[in-house]
Amino acid sequence: MNRKWTSGQWFYAGRIEGDQYVFDTFESGHLFKVLRKREGDRIVLTDGRGNVYIAVILMAHPRKTTVRILEKHHVPAPSRRLHVFIAPTKHMDRFEWFLEKATELGVWAITPLLTHHTGRKKLNYERLEKIIISAVKQSMRAYKPALHPAISWKDIPWEQHRFFAALCEAEQYANTSYIRTSSAAVLIGPEGGFSEAEKEELWIKNIPAIHLSDNRLRTETAGITSVCLFYSHS
């Protein structure tokens, strides 16, 4: 990674067009009130789509800080991509922790999965997006993971991904086909596990089952473990 990007605070800009950009109220307030950035300061920002910019602040304002783009660099998309389909936890702080850490570790996409035993059905997507964006900035990622709307078990797009399912009773640890594949999707069940009907469907569809640990893991821990295993063998 370019040395210019590996120090200091990153900022999220969304879509940038032209040589100037005006931050929204949230990011402007963070720049102006918390970090006390002023005119002439240089900063690094990303649009979450692979572009990283070096900019200078033209106007520091608590609601509409304006910068001029000095440099633009495009970061190639990662060669390996993991999509995690995960049941939201009953306690949202655990699910939010998963989103934060999975983003830092490089997850490509996340889809909340509503299974038979899923304890939570409603999600505050605006808050969840803010958590992901904060993790993107903290970890200096040029790509923001996609957070898709929640789907039910019956709507899983089986034909669109190479799926693996994390199951405690699986006989083998995360196997080579999971670790070495360039693109995969993993199914992480809720705190009560997948139902017997869901497990049967996995078997009928010939979805490989992977064993993540000798210990029984919480949903959010299983999600993070699956991300770590996938990207640790890149």
C-alpha atoms as a PDB file:
ATOM      1  CA  MET A   1       0.000   0.000   0.000  1.00  0.00           C
ATOM      2  CA  ASN A   2       1.166   3.530  -0.763  1.00  0.00           C
ATOM      3  CA  ARG A   3       3.060   5.000   2.186  1.00  0.00           C
ATOM      4  CA  LYS A   4       0.978   8.188   1.926  1.00  0.00           C
ATOM      5  CA  TRP A   5      -2.076   6.185   2.985  1.00  0.00           C
ATOM      6  CA  THR A   6      -0.740   4.178   5.903  1.00  0.00           C
ATOM      7  CA  SER A   7      -0.741   6.871   8.571  1.00  0.00           C
ATOM      8  CA  GLY A   8      -3.232   9.277  10.006  1.00  0.00           C
ATOM      9  CA  GLN A   9      -7.007   9.273   9.941  1.00  0.00           C
ATOM     10  CA  TRP A  10      -9.057   8.057   6.967  1.00  0.00           C
ATOM     11  CA  PHE A  11     -12.435   9.503   6.013  1.00  0.00           C
ATOM     12  CA  TYR A  12     -15.353   8.132   4.037  1.00  0.00           C
ATOM     13  CA  ALA A  13     -16.669  10.183   1.158  1.00  0.00           C
ATOM     14  CA  GLY A  14     -19.113   8.068  -0.789  1.00  0.00           C
ATOM     15  CA  ARG A  15     -19.195   8.931  -4.490  1.00  0.00           C
ATOM     16  CA  ILE A  16     -16.780  11.681  -5.565  1.00  0.00           C
ATOM     17  CA  GLU A  17     -17.246  13.604  -8.807  1.00  0.00           C
ATOM     18  CA  GLY A  18     -14.961  16.424  -9.886  1.00  0.00           C
ATOM     19  CA  ASP A  19     -12.091  17.915  -7.901  1.00  0.00           C
ATOM     20  CA  GLN A  20     -14.084  19.022  -4.850  1.00  0.00           C
ATOM     21  CA  TYR A  21     -16.140  17.187  -2.272  1.00  0.00           C
ATOM     22  CA  VAL A  22     -18.419  18.354   0.543  1.00  0.00           C
ATOM     23  CA  PHE A  23     -18.672  16.009   3.520  1.00  0.00           C
ATOM     24  CA  ASP A  24     -22.038  15.247   5.079  1.00  0.00           C
ATOM     25  CA  THR A  25     -22.982  16.531   8.527  1.00  0.00           C
ATOM     26  CA  PHE A  26     -21.774  13.428  10.375  1.00  0.00           C
ATOM     27  CA  GLU A  27     -18.318  13.334   8.819  1.00  0.00           C
ATOM     28  CA  SER A  28     -17.967  17.123   8.876  1.00  0.00           C
ATOM     29  CA  GLY A  29     -18.702  17.173  12.588  1.00  0.00           C
ATOM     30  CA  HIS A  30     -16.079  14.496  13.209  1.00  0.00           C
ATOM     31  CA  LEU A  31     -13.499  16.413  11.167  1.00  0.00           C
ATOM     32  CA  PHE A  32     -14.224  19.828  12.650  1.00  0.00           C
ATOM     33  CA  LYS A  33     -15.305  19.208  16.253  1.00  0.00           C
ATOM     34  CA  VAL A  34     -13.505  16.003  17.226  1.00  0.00           C
ATOM     35  CA  LEU A  35     -10.292  16.039  15.196  1.00  0.00           C
ATOM     36  CA  ARG A  36     -10.190  19.853  14.909  1.00  0.00           C
ATOM     37  CA  LYS A  37      -9.082  19.808  11.294  1.00  0.00           C
ATOM     38  CA  ARG A  38      -8.632  23.209   9.706  1.00  0.00           C
ATOM     39  CA  GLU A  39      -8.112  24.805   6.283  1.00  0.00           C
ATOM     40  CA  GLY A  40      -4.909  23.604   4.648  1.00  0.00           C
ATOM     41  CA  ASP A  41      -4.808  20.247   6.434  1.00  0.00           C
ATOM     42  CA  ARG A  42      -4.325  17.223   4.198  1.00  0.00           C
ATOM     43  CA  ILE A  43      -6.430  14.119   4.679  1.00  0.00           C
ATOM     44  CA  VAL A  44      -6.984  10.721   3.074  1.00  0.00           C
ATOM     45  CA  LEU A  45     -10.449   9.576   2.035  1.00  0.00           C
ATOM     46  CA  THR A  46     -12.026   6.621   0.296  1.00  0.00           C
ATOM     47  CA  ASP A  47     -15.258   6.151  -1.590  1.00  0.00           C
ATOM     48  CA  GLY A  48     -15.457   2.486  -0.596  1.00  0.00           C
ATOM     49  CA  ARG A  49     -15.353   1.491  -4.272  1.00  0.00           C
ATOM     50  CA  GLY A  50     -11.612   1.001  -4.568  1.00  0.00           C
ATOM     51  CA  ASN A  51     -10.602   4.644  -4.892  1.00  0.00           C
ATOM     52  CA  VAL A  52      -8.371   6.414  -2.382  1.00  0.00           C
ATOM     53  CA  TYR A  53      -7.919  10.174  -2.483  1.00  0.00           C
ATOM     54  CA  ILE A  54      -5.471  12.628  -0.984  1.00  0.00           C
ATOM     55  CA  ALA A  55      -7.198  15.951  -0.402  1.00  0.00           C
ATOM     56  CA  VAL A  56      -6.700  19.333   1.235  1.00  0.00           C
ATOM     57  CA  ILE A  57      -9.361  21.073   3.314  1.00  0.00           C
ATOM     58  CA  LEU A  58     -10.657  24.231   1.663  1.00  0.00           C
ATOM     59  CA  MET A  59     -13.318  25.068   4.257  1.00  0.00           C
ATOM     60  CA  ALA A  60     -13.563  23.505   7.714  1.00  0.00           C
ATOM     61  CA  HIS A  61     -17.190  23.600   8.836  1.00  0.00           C
ATOM     62  CA  PRO A  62     -19.146  21.545  11.407  1.00  0.00           C
ATOM     63  CA  ARG A  63     -21.831  20.670   8.841  1.00  0.00           C
ATOM     64  CA  LYS A  64     -20.253  20.997   5.378  1.00  0.00           C
ATOM     65  CA  THR A  65     -16.483  20.684   5.374  1.00  0.00           C
ATOM     66  CA  THR A  66     -15.195  21.069   1.814  1.00  0.00           C
ATOM     67  CA  VAL A  67     -12.017  19.553   0.379  1.00  0.00           C
ATOM     68  CA  ARG A  68     -10.141  19.718  -2.921  1.00  0.00           C
ATOM     69  CA  ILE A  69      -8.919  16.453  -4.398  1.00  0.00           C
ATOM     70  CA  LEU A  70      -5.163  16.484  -5.029  1.00  0.00           C
ATOM     71  CA  GLU A  71      -4.548  12.852  -5.974  1.00  0.00           C
ATOM     72  CA  LYS A  72      -6.640   9.826  -6.877  1.00  0.00           C
ATOM     73  CA  HIS A  73      -5.422   6.240  -6.675  1.00  0.00           C
ATOM     74  CA  HIS A  74      -7.309   3.086  -7.552  1.00  0.00           C
ATOM     75  CA  VAL A  75      -6.708  -0.049  -5.497  1.00  0.00           C
ATOM     76  CA  PRO A  76      -7.263  -3.336  -7.362  1.00  0.00           C
ATOM     77  CA  ALA A  77     -10.166  -5.379  -6.044  1.00  0.00           C
ATOM     78  CA  PRO A  78      -9.130  -8.317  -3.826  1.00  0.00           C
ATOM     79  CA  SER A  79      -8.633 -11.598  -5.631  1.00  0.00           C
ATOM     80  CA  ARG A  80     -10.445 -13.522  -2.889  1.00  0.00           C
ATOM     81  CA  ARG A  81     -13.952 -12.644  -1.745  1.00  0.00           C
ATOM     82  CA  LEU A  82     -16.060 -14.062   1.060  1.00  0.00           C
ATOM     83  CA  HIS A  83     -19.793 -13.459   1.426  1.00  0.00           C
ATOM     84  CA  VAL A  84     -21.106 -14.244   4.908  1.00  0.00           C
ATOM     85  CA  PHE A  85     -24.774 -15.163   5.309  1.00  0.00           C
ATOM     86  CA  ILE A  86     -25.272 -14.880   9.063  1.00  0.00           C
ATOM     87  CA  ALA A  87     -28.254 -14.998  11.408  1.00  0.00           C
ATOM     88  CA  PRO A  88     -28.610 -11.741  13.395  1.00  0.00           C
ATOM     89  CA  THR A  89     -28.058 -12.269  17.098  1.00  0.00           C
ATOM     90  CA  LYS A  90     -30.701 -11.522  19.692  1.00  0.00           C
ATOM     91  CA  HIS A  91     -28.417  -8.967  21.332  1.00  0.00           C
ATOM     92  CA  MET A  92     -27.511  -6.409  18.678  1.00  0.00           C
ATOM     93  CA  ASP A  93     -24.199  -5.436  20.242  1.00  0.00           C
ATOM     94  CA  ARG A  94     -22.875  -8.880  19.300  1.00  0.00           C
ATOM     95  CA  PHE A  95     -24.017  -8.584  15.709  1.00  0.00           C
ATOM     96  CA  GLU A  96     -22.562  -5.078  15.487  1.00  0.00           C
ATOM     97  CA  TRP A  97     -19.272  -6.426  16.852  1.00  0.00           C
ATOM     98  CA  PHE A  98     -19.271  -9.037  14.103  1.00  0.00           C
ATOM     99  CA  LEU A  99     -19.853  -6.389  11.419  1.00  0.00           C
ATOM    100  CA  GLU A 100     -17.008  -4.256  12.729  1.00  0.00           C
ATOM    101  CA  LYS A 101     -14.451  -7.052  13.015  1.00  0.00           C
ATOM    102  CA  ALA A 102     -15.446  -8.802   9.778  1.00  0.00           C
ATOM    103  CA  THR A 103     -14.988  -5.499   7.946  1.00  0.00           C
ATOM    104  CA  GLU A 104     -11.544  -5.030   9.459  1.00  0.00           C
ATOM    105  CA  LEU A 105     -10.585  -8.559   8.398  1.00  0.00           C
ATOM    106  CA  GLY A 106     -11.602  -8.053   4.770  1.00  0.00           C
ATOM    107  CA  VAL A 107     -15.062  -9.605   4.330  1.00  0.00           C
ATOM    108  CA  TRP A 108     -16.528  -8.775   0.921  1.00  0.00           C
ATOM    109  CA  ALA A 109     -20.263  -8.916   1.635  1.00  0.00           C
ATOM    110  CA  ILE A 110     -22.691  -9.675   4.455  1.00  0.00           C
ATOM    111  CA  THR A 111     -26.299 -10.819   4.290  1.00  0.00           C
ATOM    112  CA  PRO A 112     -28.397 -11.197   7.453  1.00  0.00           C
ATOM    113  CA  LEU A 113     -30.072 -14.617   7.314  1.00  0.00           C
ATOM    114  CA  LEU A 114     -33.495 -15.240   8.854  1.00  0.00           C
ATOM    115  CA  THR A 115     -33.639 -18.914   9.775  1.00  0.00           C
ATOM    116  CA  HIS A 116     -36.151 -20.885  11.833  1.00  0.00           C
ATOM    117  CA  HIS A 117     -34.311 -20.144  15.087  1.00  0.00           C
ATOM    118  CA  THR A 118     -33.170 -16.582  14.303  1.00  0.00           C
ATOM    119  CA  GLY A 119     -33.859 -14.492  17.407  1.00  0.00           C
ATOM    120  CA  ARG A 120     -34.066 -11.100  15.724  1.00  0.00           C
ATOM    121  CA  LYS A 121     -35.938 -10.133  12.572  1.00  0.00           C
ATOM    122  CA  LYS A 122     -35.689  -6.311  12.464  1.00  0.00           C
ATOM    123  CA  LEU A 123     -32.458  -4.427  11.888  1.00  0.00           C
ATOM    124  CA  ASN A 124     -31.478  -0.757  11.906  1.00  0.00           C
ATOM    125  CA  TYR A 125     -29.601  -0.650   8.609  1.00  0.00           C
ATOM    126  CA  GLU A 126     -28.624   3.002   8.936  1.00  0.00           C
ATOM    127  CA  ARG A 127     -26.824   2.260  12.191  1.00  0.00           C
ATOM    128  CA  LEU A 128     -25.246  -0.907  10.795  1.00  0.00           C
ATOM    129  CA  GLU A 129     -23.922   0.970   7.753  1.00  0.00           C
ATOM    130  CA  LYS A 130     -22.324   3.552  10.043  1.00  0.00           C
ATOM    131  CA  ILE A 131     -20.576   0.778  11.962  1.00  0.00           C
ATOM    132  CA  ILE A 132     -19.232  -0.710   8.746  1.00  0.00           C
ATOM    133  CA  ILE A 133     -18.068   2.675   7.436  1.00  0.00           C
ATOM    134  CA  SER A 134     -16.298   3.400  10.718  1.00  0.00           C
ATOM    135  CA  ALA A 135     -14.499   0.048  10.452  1.00  0.00           C
ATOM    136  CA  VAL A 136     -13.566   0.769   6.816  1.00  0.00           C
ATOM    137  CA  LYS A 137     -11.894   4.000   7.884  1.00  0.00           C
ATOM    138  CA  GLN A 138     -10.195   2.484  10.911  1.00  0.00           C
ATOM    139  CA  SER A 139      -8.768  -0.441   8.945  1.00  0.00           C
ATOM    140  CA  MET A 140      -7.868   1.695   5.899  1.00  0.00           C
ATOM    141  CA  ARG A 141      -9.893  -0.373   3.433  1.00  0.00           C
ATOM    142  CA  ALA A 142     -10.469   0.898  -0.077  1.00  0.00           C
ATOM    143  CA  TYR A 143     -13.541  -1.327  -0.466  1.00  0.00           C
ATOM    144  CA  LYS A 144     -16.599  -1.147   1.770  1.00  0.00           C
ATOM    145  CA  PRO A 145     -18.298  -4.495   2.340  1.00  0.00           C
ATOM    146  CA  ALA A 146     -21.797  -4.678   0.912  1.00  0.00           C
ATOM    147  CA  LEU A 147     -24.512  -5.074   3.552  1.00  0.00           C
ATOM    148  CA  HIS A 148     -27.476  -6.667   1.834  1.00  0.00           C
ATOM    149  CA  PRO A 149     -31.072  -6.699   3.096  1.00  0.00           C
ATOM    150  CA  ALA A 150     -31.997  -9.651   5.265  1.00  0.00           C
ATOM    151  CA  ILE A 151     -33.346 -12.707   3.474  1.00  0.00           C
ATOM    152  CA  SER A 152     -35.280 -15.728   4.660  1.00  0.00           C
ATOM    153  CA  TRP A 153     -33.966 -19.273   4.345  1.00  0.00           C
ATOM    154  CA  LYS A 154     -36.256 -19.996   1.400  1.00  0.00           C
ATOM    155  CA  ASP A 155     -34.779 -17.050  -0.526  1.00  0.00           C
ATOM    156  CA  ILE A 156     -31.114 -18.041  -0.290  1.00  0.00           C
ATOM    157  CA  PRO A 157     -29.624 -17.651  -3.811  1.00  0.00           C
ATOM    158  CA  TRP A 158     -28.173 -21.152  -3.939  1.00  0.00           C
ATOM    159  CA  GLU A 159     -27.180 -20.914  -7.606  1.00  0.00           C
ATOM    160  CA  GLN A 160     -25.282 -17.641  -7.273  1.00  0.00           C
ATOM    161  CA  HIS A 161     -22.571 -18.674  -4.820  1.00  0.00           C
ATOM    162  CA  ARG A 162     -20.343 -21.548  -3.830  1.00  0.00           C
ATOM    163  CA  PHE A 163     -21.841 -22.198  -0.397  1.00  0.00           C
ATOM    164  CA  PHE A 164     -20.380 -23.797   2.700  1.00  0.00           C
ATOM    165  CA  ALA A 165     -22.223 -24.264   5.981  1.00  0.00           C
ATOM    166  CA  ALA A 166     -20.627 -23.971   9.409  1.00  0.00           C
ATOM    167  CA  LEU A 167     -21.926 -26.863  11.518  1.00  0.00           C
ATOM    168  CA  CYS A 168     -20.755 -28.035  14.940  1.00  0.00           C
ATOM    169  CA  GLU A 169     -21.389 -31.649  13.952  1.00  0.00           C
ATOM    170  CA  ALA A 170     -19.387 -31.452  10.732  1.00  0.00           C
ATOM    171  CA  GLU A 171     -16.758 -34.195  10.603  1.00  0.00           C
ATOM    172  CA  GLN A 172     -13.977 -32.121   9.078  1.00  0.00           C
ATOM    173  CA  TYR A 173     -12.462 -28.758   9.772  1.00  0.00           C
ATOM    174  CA  ALA A 174     -12.717 -25.984   7.202  1.00  0.00           C
ATOM    175  CA  ASN A 175     -11.464 -28.009   4.285  1.00  0.00           C
ATOM    176  CA  THR A 176      -9.201 -27.141   1.396  1.00  0.00           C
ATOM    177  CA  SER A 177     -12.090 -26.408  -0.952  1.00  0.00           C
ATOM    178  CA  TYR A 178     -13.236 -23.642   1.436  1.00  0.00           C
ATOM    179  CA  ILE A 179      -9.827 -22.264   2.292  1.00  0.00           C
ATOM    180  CA  ARG A 180      -8.368 -22.262  -1.212  1.00  0.00           C
ATOM    181  CA  THR A 181     -11.325 -21.112  -3.295  1.00  0.00           C
ATOM    182  CA  SER A 182     -11.196 -17.562  -4.625  1.00  0.00           C
ATOM    183  CA  SER A 183     -14.869 -16.863  -3.973  1.00  0.00           C
ATOM    184  CA  ALA A 184     -17.151 -18.467  -1.411  1.00  0.00           C
ATOM    185  CA  ALA A 185     -20.247 -17.906   0.709  1.00  0.00           C
ATOM    186  CA  VAL A 186     -20.592 -19.305   4.195  1.00  0.00           C
ATOM    187  CA  LEU A 187     -23.806 -19.915   6.126  1.00  0.00           C
ATOM    188  CA  ILE A 188     -23.664 -19.120   9.853  1.00  0.00           C
ATOM    189  CA  GLY A 189     -26.660 -20.234  11.897  1.00  0.00           C
ATOM    190  CA  PRO A 190     -28.362 -18.573  14.869  1.00  0.00           C
ATOM    191  CA  GLU A 191     -27.788 -19.203  18.559  1.00  0.00           C
ATOM    192  CA  GLY A 192     -30.160 -22.168  18.414  1.00  0.00           C
ATOM    193  CA  GLY A 193     -28.443 -23.613  15.369  1.00  0.00           C
ATOM    194  CA  PHE A 194     -29.998 -24.609  12.067  1.00  0.00           C
ATOM    195  CA  SER A 195     -33.278 -26.509  12.292  1.00  0.00           C
ATOM    196  CA  GLU A 196     -33.419 -30.158  11.295  1.00  0.00           C
ATOM    197  CA  ALA A 197     -35.311 -29.196   8.134  1.00  0.00           C
ATOM    198  CA  GLU A 198     -32.611 -26.663   7.236  1.00  0.00           C
ATOM    199  CA  LYS A 199     -29.858 -29.215   7.841  1.00  0.00           C
ATOM    200  CA  GLU A 200     -31.693 -31.699   5.649  1.00  0.00           C
ATOM    201  CA  GLU A 201     -31.909 -29.165   2.847  1.00  0.00           C
ATOM    202  CA  LEU A 202     -28.173 -28.519   3.135  1.00  0.00           C
ATOM    203  CA  TRP A 203     -27.607 -32.258   2.763  1.00  0.00           C
ATOM    204  CA  ILE A 204     -29.991 -32.531  -0.210  1.00  0.00           C
ATOM    205  CA  LYS A 205     -28.305 -29.602  -1.934  1.00  0.00           C
ATOM    206  CA  ASN A 206     -24.898 -31.139  -1.206  1.00  0.00           C
ATOM    207  CA  ILE A 207     -23.650 -28.035   0.615  1.00  0.00           C
ATOM    208  CA  PRO A 208     -20.281 -28.867   2.227  1.00  0.00           C
ATOM    209  CA  ALA A 209     -20.277 -28.630   6.019  1.00  0.00           C
ATOM    210  CA  ILE A 210     -17.220 -27.172   7.732  1.00  0.00           C
ATOM    211  CA  HIS A 211     -16.146 -27.554  11.354  1.00  0.00           C
ATOM    212  CA  LEU A 212     -14.751 -24.315  12.795  1.00  0.00           C
ATOM    213  CA  SER A 213     -13.699 -25.352  16.298  1.00  0.00           C
ATOM    214  CA  ASP A 214     -13.736 -28.172  18.831  1.00  0.00           C
ATOM    215  CA  ASN A 215     -15.701 -25.778  21.027  1.00  0.00           C
ATOM    216  CA  ARG A 216     -19.248 -24.591  20.489  1.00  0.00           C
ATOM    217  CA  LEU A 217     -19.033 -21.023  19.201  1.00  0.00           C
ATOM    218  CA  ARG A 218     -21.482 -18.170  19.475  1.00  0.00           C
ATOM    219  CA  THR A 219     -22.936 -16.970  16.196  1.00  0.00           C
ATOM    220  CA  GLU A 220     -20.754 -13.867  16.000  1.00  0.00           C
ATOM    221  CA  THR A 221     -17.635 -15.855  16.937  1.00  0.00           C
ATOM    222  CA  ALA A 222     -18.385 -18.440  14.264  1.00  0.00           C
ATOM    223  CA  GLY A 223     -18.782 -15.638  11.746  1.00  0.00           C
ATOM    224  CA  ILE A 224     -15.417 -14.116  12.605  1.00  0.00           C
ATOM    225  CA  THR A 225     -13.718 -17.514  12.662  1.00  0.00           C
ATOM    226  CA  SER A 226     -15.003 -18.290   9.178  1.00  0.00           C
ATOM    227  CA  VAL A 227     -13.620 -14.975   7.901  1.00  0.00           C
ATOM    228  CA  CYS A 228     -10.248 -15.545   9.578  1.00  0.00           C
ATOM    229  CA  LEU A 229      -9.930 -19.054   8.139  1.00  0.00           C
ATOM    230  CA  PHE A 230     -10.797 -17.919   4.649  1.00  0.00           C
ATOM    231  CA  TYR A 231      -8.427 -14.964   4.486  1.00  0.00           C
ATOM    232  CA  SER A 232      -5.559 -16.458   6.478  1.00  0.00           C
ATOM    233  CA  HIS A 233      -4.791 -18.750   3.548  1.00  0.00           C
ATOM    234  CA  SER A 234      -4.723 -16.124   0.828  1.00  0.00           C
END
